[in-house]
N, C-alpha and C. Protein backbone atom coordinates (compact mmCIF):
# COMPACT_ATOMS: atom_id res chain seq x y z
N MET A 1 200.51 186.12 -105.12
CA MET A 1 199.50 187.16 -105.15
C MET A 1 198.49 186.90 -106.25
N SER A 2 198.89 186.30 -107.37
CA SER A 2 197.97 186.08 -108.46
C SER A 2 196.91 185.03 -108.09
N THR A 3 197.23 184.11 -107.19
CA THR A 3 196.25 183.13 -106.74
C THR A 3 195.09 183.82 -106.04
N TRP A 4 195.40 184.80 -105.19
CA TRP A 4 194.35 185.53 -104.47
C TRP A 4 193.51 186.37 -105.42
N ILE A 5 194.11 186.88 -106.45
CA ILE A 5 193.35 187.65 -107.43
C ILE A 5 192.35 186.74 -108.15
N VAL A 6 192.81 185.55 -108.52
CA VAL A 6 191.91 184.59 -109.18
C VAL A 6 190.76 184.22 -108.24
N ILE A 7 191.06 183.96 -106.99
CA ILE A 7 190.02 183.60 -106.02
C ILE A 7 189.03 184.74 -105.86
N LEU A 8 189.50 185.96 -105.75
CA LEU A 8 188.61 187.11 -105.60
C LEU A 8 187.75 187.35 -106.85
N VAL A 9 188.33 187.16 -108.02
CA VAL A 9 187.56 187.33 -109.26
C VAL A 9 186.47 186.26 -109.36
N ILE A 10 186.80 185.03 -109.03
CA ILE A 10 185.81 183.96 -109.06
C ILE A 10 184.72 184.21 -108.03
N ALA A 11 185.10 184.65 -106.84
CA ALA A 11 184.11 184.95 -105.80
C ALA A 11 183.18 186.07 -106.24
N ALA A 12 183.73 187.12 -106.83
CA ALA A 12 182.89 188.22 -107.31
C ALA A 12 181.96 187.76 -108.43
N GLY A 13 182.45 186.90 -109.31
CA GLY A 13 181.62 186.39 -110.39
C GLY A 13 180.46 185.54 -109.90
N THR A 14 180.73 184.64 -108.94
CA THR A 14 179.64 183.81 -108.42
C THR A 14 178.65 184.65 -107.62
N TYR A 15 179.14 185.64 -106.90
CA TYR A 15 178.25 186.52 -106.16
C TYR A 15 177.35 187.30 -107.12
N ALA A 16 177.92 187.81 -108.19
CA ALA A 16 177.13 188.56 -109.17
C ALA A 16 176.11 187.65 -109.85
N PHE A 17 176.51 186.44 -110.20
CA PHE A 17 175.60 185.50 -110.84
C PHE A 17 174.41 185.19 -109.94
N ARG A 18 174.66 184.93 -108.66
CA ARG A 18 173.58 184.62 -107.72
C ARG A 18 172.72 185.84 -107.46
N SER A 19 173.33 187.01 -107.37
CA SER A 19 172.56 188.23 -107.11
C SER A 19 171.60 188.52 -108.24
N VAL A 20 172.04 188.35 -109.47
CA VAL A 20 171.17 188.59 -110.62
C VAL A 20 170.01 187.60 -110.61
N ALA A 21 170.29 186.35 -110.29
CA ALA A 21 169.22 185.35 -110.25
C ALA A 21 168.19 185.71 -109.19
N PHE A 22 168.63 186.10 -108.01
CA PHE A 22 167.68 186.48 -106.95
C PHE A 22 166.92 187.74 -107.30
N ALA A 23 167.58 188.68 -107.93
CA ALA A 23 166.91 189.92 -108.31
C ALA A 23 165.82 189.67 -109.35
N LEU A 24 166.09 188.80 -110.30
CA LEU A 24 165.09 188.51 -111.33
C LEU A 24 163.92 187.69 -110.77
N VAL A 25 164.23 186.68 -109.99
CA VAL A 25 163.18 185.81 -109.45
C VAL A 25 162.42 186.51 -108.33
N GLY A 26 163.10 187.31 -107.56
CA GLY A 26 162.46 187.97 -106.42
C GLY A 26 161.37 188.95 -106.82
N THR A 27 161.49 189.58 -107.96
CA THR A 27 160.49 190.54 -108.37
C THR A 27 159.31 189.90 -109.08
N ARG A 28 159.52 188.78 -109.77
CA ARG A 28 158.46 188.16 -110.56
C ARG A 28 157.96 186.84 -109.99
N GLY A 29 158.78 186.11 -109.31
CA GLY A 29 158.40 184.79 -108.84
C GLY A 29 158.60 183.74 -109.92
N LEU A 30 158.47 182.50 -109.53
CA LEU A 30 158.66 181.39 -110.47
C LEU A 30 157.32 180.95 -111.02
N PRO A 31 157.31 180.35 -112.20
CA PRO A 31 156.06 179.82 -112.74
C PRO A 31 155.51 178.68 -111.88
N GLY A 32 154.23 178.44 -111.96
CA GLY A 32 153.59 177.42 -111.14
C GLY A 32 154.10 176.01 -111.36
N TRP A 33 154.53 175.69 -112.57
CA TRP A 33 154.99 174.33 -112.86
C TRP A 33 156.30 174.00 -112.17
N THR A 34 156.99 174.97 -111.59
CA THR A 34 158.26 174.70 -110.90
C THR A 34 158.07 174.36 -109.44
N ASP A 35 156.87 174.55 -108.89
CA ASP A 35 156.65 174.31 -107.47
C ASP A 35 156.90 172.86 -107.06
N ARG A 36 156.33 171.93 -107.79
CA ARG A 36 156.47 170.52 -107.42
C ARG A 36 157.93 170.03 -107.50
N PRO A 37 158.65 170.28 -108.59
CA PRO A 37 160.05 169.83 -108.61
C PRO A 37 160.92 170.51 -107.54
N LEU A 38 160.68 171.79 -107.28
CA LEU A 38 161.48 172.48 -106.27
C LEU A 38 161.19 171.98 -104.87
N ALA A 39 160.00 171.46 -104.63
CA ALA A 39 159.67 170.89 -103.32
C ALA A 39 160.47 169.63 -103.04
N LEU A 40 160.99 169.00 -104.08
CA LEU A 40 161.75 167.76 -103.92
C LEU A 40 163.26 167.99 -103.80
N VAL A 41 163.70 169.22 -103.94
CA VAL A 41 165.14 169.50 -103.91
C VAL A 41 165.73 169.23 -102.52
N ALA A 42 165.09 169.72 -101.47
CA ALA A 42 165.62 169.53 -100.11
C ALA A 42 165.66 168.05 -99.72
N PRO A 43 164.59 167.28 -99.91
CA PRO A 43 164.70 165.86 -99.57
C PRO A 43 165.76 165.12 -100.39
N ALA A 44 165.92 165.48 -101.65
CA ALA A 44 166.94 164.83 -102.48
C ALA A 44 168.34 165.17 -101.99
N ALA A 45 168.55 166.42 -101.60
CA ALA A 45 169.88 166.81 -101.10
C ALA A 45 170.20 166.10 -99.78
N ILE A 46 169.23 166.04 -98.88
CA ILE A 46 169.46 165.35 -97.60
C ILE A 46 169.71 163.87 -97.85
N SER A 47 168.94 163.26 -98.75
CA SER A 47 169.14 161.84 -99.06
C SER A 47 170.53 161.58 -99.62
N ALA A 48 170.99 162.45 -100.50
CA ALA A 48 172.33 162.28 -101.07
C ALA A 48 173.41 162.39 -100.01
N LEU A 49 173.26 163.35 -99.11
CA LEU A 49 174.26 163.51 -98.03
C LEU A 49 174.26 162.31 -97.09
N VAL A 50 173.07 161.85 -96.69
CA VAL A 50 172.98 160.72 -95.77
C VAL A 50 173.51 159.45 -96.44
N ALA A 51 173.12 159.21 -97.69
CA ALA A 51 173.59 158.01 -98.38
C ALA A 51 175.11 158.01 -98.52
N THR A 52 175.68 159.17 -98.79
CA THR A 52 177.13 159.26 -98.89
C THR A 52 177.80 158.97 -97.56
N MET A 53 177.21 159.47 -96.48
CA MET A 53 177.79 159.23 -95.15
C MET A 53 177.64 157.78 -94.71
N VAL A 54 176.52 157.15 -95.05
CA VAL A 54 176.24 155.81 -94.56
C VAL A 54 176.90 154.72 -95.42
N PHE A 55 176.90 154.90 -96.72
CA PHE A 55 177.32 153.83 -97.62
C PHE A 55 178.73 153.98 -98.19
N THR A 56 179.49 154.98 -97.74
CA THR A 56 180.88 155.11 -98.18
C THR A 56 181.78 155.41 -96.99
N ASP A 57 183.03 155.04 -97.14
CA ASP A 57 184.05 155.36 -96.14
C ASP A 57 185.22 155.97 -96.89
N HIS A 58 185.35 157.28 -96.82
CA HIS A 58 186.39 158.02 -97.54
C HIS A 58 186.33 157.73 -99.04
N GLY A 59 185.11 157.69 -99.57
CA GLY A 59 184.93 157.50 -101.00
C GLY A 59 184.89 156.06 -101.46
N VAL A 60 185.12 155.12 -100.55
CA VAL A 60 185.09 153.70 -100.91
C VAL A 60 183.74 153.13 -100.47
N PRO A 61 183.02 152.47 -101.39
CA PRO A 61 181.72 151.89 -101.00
C PRO A 61 181.88 150.86 -99.89
N MET A 62 180.90 150.85 -98.97
CA MET A 62 180.95 149.90 -97.86
C MET A 62 179.54 149.53 -97.45
N VAL A 63 179.43 148.45 -96.71
CA VAL A 63 178.16 148.04 -96.13
C VAL A 63 178.09 148.66 -94.73
N PRO A 64 177.01 149.38 -94.40
CA PRO A 64 176.94 150.02 -93.09
C PRO A 64 176.84 148.98 -91.98
N GLY A 65 177.33 149.36 -90.80
CA GLY A 65 177.26 148.49 -89.64
C GLY A 65 175.88 148.48 -89.02
N LEU A 66 175.72 147.71 -87.97
CA LEU A 66 174.44 147.59 -87.30
C LEU A 66 173.97 148.91 -86.69
N PRO A 67 174.82 149.68 -86.00
CA PRO A 67 174.33 150.95 -85.43
C PRO A 67 173.80 151.91 -86.50
N GLU A 68 174.51 152.01 -87.61
CA GLU A 68 174.07 152.91 -88.68
C GLU A 68 172.75 152.44 -89.30
N THR A 69 172.62 151.14 -89.48
CA THR A 69 171.40 150.59 -90.09
C THR A 69 170.20 150.79 -89.18
N VAL A 70 170.35 150.53 -87.89
CA VAL A 70 169.24 150.69 -86.95
C VAL A 70 168.88 152.16 -86.82
N ALA A 71 169.87 153.05 -86.73
CA ALA A 71 169.59 154.48 -86.63
C ALA A 71 168.91 154.99 -87.89
N LEU A 72 169.34 154.52 -89.03
CA LEU A 72 168.71 154.92 -90.29
C LEU A 72 167.27 154.44 -90.36
N ALA A 73 167.00 153.22 -89.92
CA ALA A 73 165.63 152.70 -89.91
C ALA A 73 164.76 153.49 -88.92
N ALA A 74 165.29 153.80 -87.75
CA ALA A 74 164.52 154.58 -86.77
C ALA A 74 164.21 155.97 -87.30
N THR A 75 165.18 156.59 -87.94
CA THR A 75 164.96 157.91 -88.51
C THR A 75 163.92 157.85 -89.62
N PHE A 76 163.99 156.84 -90.46
CA PHE A 76 163.02 156.69 -91.54
C PHE A 76 161.61 156.55 -90.99
N VAL A 77 161.43 155.73 -89.97
CA VAL A 77 160.10 155.52 -89.39
C VAL A 77 159.56 156.82 -88.80
N VAL A 78 160.39 157.55 -88.08
CA VAL A 78 159.94 158.80 -87.46
C VAL A 78 159.57 159.84 -88.52
N VAL A 79 160.39 159.96 -89.55
CA VAL A 79 160.10 160.94 -90.61
C VAL A 79 158.82 160.56 -91.36
N ARG A 80 158.62 159.28 -91.62
CA ARG A 80 157.41 158.86 -92.32
C ARG A 80 156.16 159.10 -91.47
N ARG A 81 156.26 158.92 -90.17
CA ARG A 81 155.08 159.10 -89.30
C ARG A 81 154.80 160.56 -89.01
N THR A 82 155.84 161.36 -88.81
CA THR A 82 155.64 162.76 -88.44
C THR A 82 155.73 163.71 -89.62
N GLY A 83 156.48 163.33 -90.66
CA GLY A 83 156.72 164.24 -91.77
C GLY A 83 157.71 165.33 -91.42
N ASN A 84 158.44 165.15 -90.33
CA ASN A 84 159.36 166.17 -89.83
C ASN A 84 160.78 165.60 -89.83
N VAL A 85 161.64 166.17 -90.66
CA VAL A 85 163.03 165.69 -90.75
C VAL A 85 163.79 165.95 -89.45
N ALA A 86 163.52 167.09 -88.82
CA ALA A 86 164.20 167.41 -87.56
C ALA A 86 163.86 166.38 -86.48
N ALA A 87 162.60 165.95 -86.42
CA ALA A 87 162.22 164.92 -85.45
C ALA A 87 162.94 163.62 -85.74
N GLY A 88 163.13 163.30 -87.01
CA GLY A 88 163.87 162.10 -87.37
C GLY A 88 165.31 162.17 -86.91
N MET A 89 165.93 163.32 -87.05
CA MET A 89 167.31 163.49 -86.59
C MET A 89 167.41 163.41 -85.07
N VAL A 90 166.43 164.01 -84.40
CA VAL A 90 166.42 163.97 -82.93
C VAL A 90 166.28 162.54 -82.45
N CYS A 91 165.61 161.70 -83.20
CA CYS A 91 165.47 160.28 -82.85
C CYS A 91 166.68 159.47 -83.32
N GLY A 92 167.13 159.69 -84.54
CA GLY A 92 168.16 158.85 -85.14
C GLY A 92 169.55 159.01 -84.53
N PHE A 93 169.94 160.25 -84.25
CA PHE A 93 171.28 160.46 -83.70
C PHE A 93 171.47 159.80 -82.34
N PRO A 94 170.54 159.95 -81.38
CA PRO A 94 170.76 159.24 -80.11
C PRO A 94 170.81 157.73 -80.27
N VAL A 95 170.00 157.18 -81.18
CA VAL A 95 170.06 155.73 -81.43
C VAL A 95 171.45 155.34 -81.91
N LEU A 96 171.98 156.11 -82.85
CA LEU A 96 173.33 155.83 -83.36
C LEU A 96 174.37 155.95 -82.26
N TRP A 97 174.28 157.01 -81.45
CA TRP A 97 175.27 157.22 -80.39
C TRP A 97 175.23 156.12 -79.34
N VAL A 98 174.02 155.73 -78.93
CA VAL A 98 173.90 154.70 -77.89
C VAL A 98 174.41 153.36 -78.41
N LEU A 99 173.99 152.98 -79.61
CA LEU A 99 174.44 151.70 -80.16
C LEU A 99 175.94 151.69 -80.42
N SER A 100 176.50 152.82 -80.82
CA SER A 100 177.95 152.89 -81.02
C SER A 100 178.69 152.83 -79.70
N ALA A 101 178.13 153.46 -78.65
CA ALA A 101 178.76 153.44 -77.33
C ALA A 101 178.72 152.04 -76.72
N VAL A 102 177.64 151.31 -76.99
CA VAL A 102 177.51 149.95 -76.46
C VAL A 102 178.49 149.02 -77.17
N GLY A 103 178.82 149.35 -78.39
CA GLY A 103 179.81 148.57 -79.12
C GLY A 103 179.22 147.57 -80.08
N LEU A 104 178.00 147.82 -80.52
CA LEU A 104 177.38 146.90 -81.49
C LEU A 104 177.91 147.12 -82.88
């Protein structure tokens, strides 16, 4: 029972911490100098997730195979041309699936 109490206390603490942050920022807004760095947070997070998925296997560094490399290149080209991450995923995932199904 004490494990659940610890979990609930930690959950309440993180909820309170986030609520206070949103309440303070929501009424005043952020200073102008934070706009540019915050615009880079989403691309950095997506890059970290993709790099972890492509270049590691259960935490062990690895060289990606041909399907992953081609799908990654196709996704990169689409995102650079359109500026749309969703369009890159719509292009990259089918490339990965088809090349994996073919057995490359």
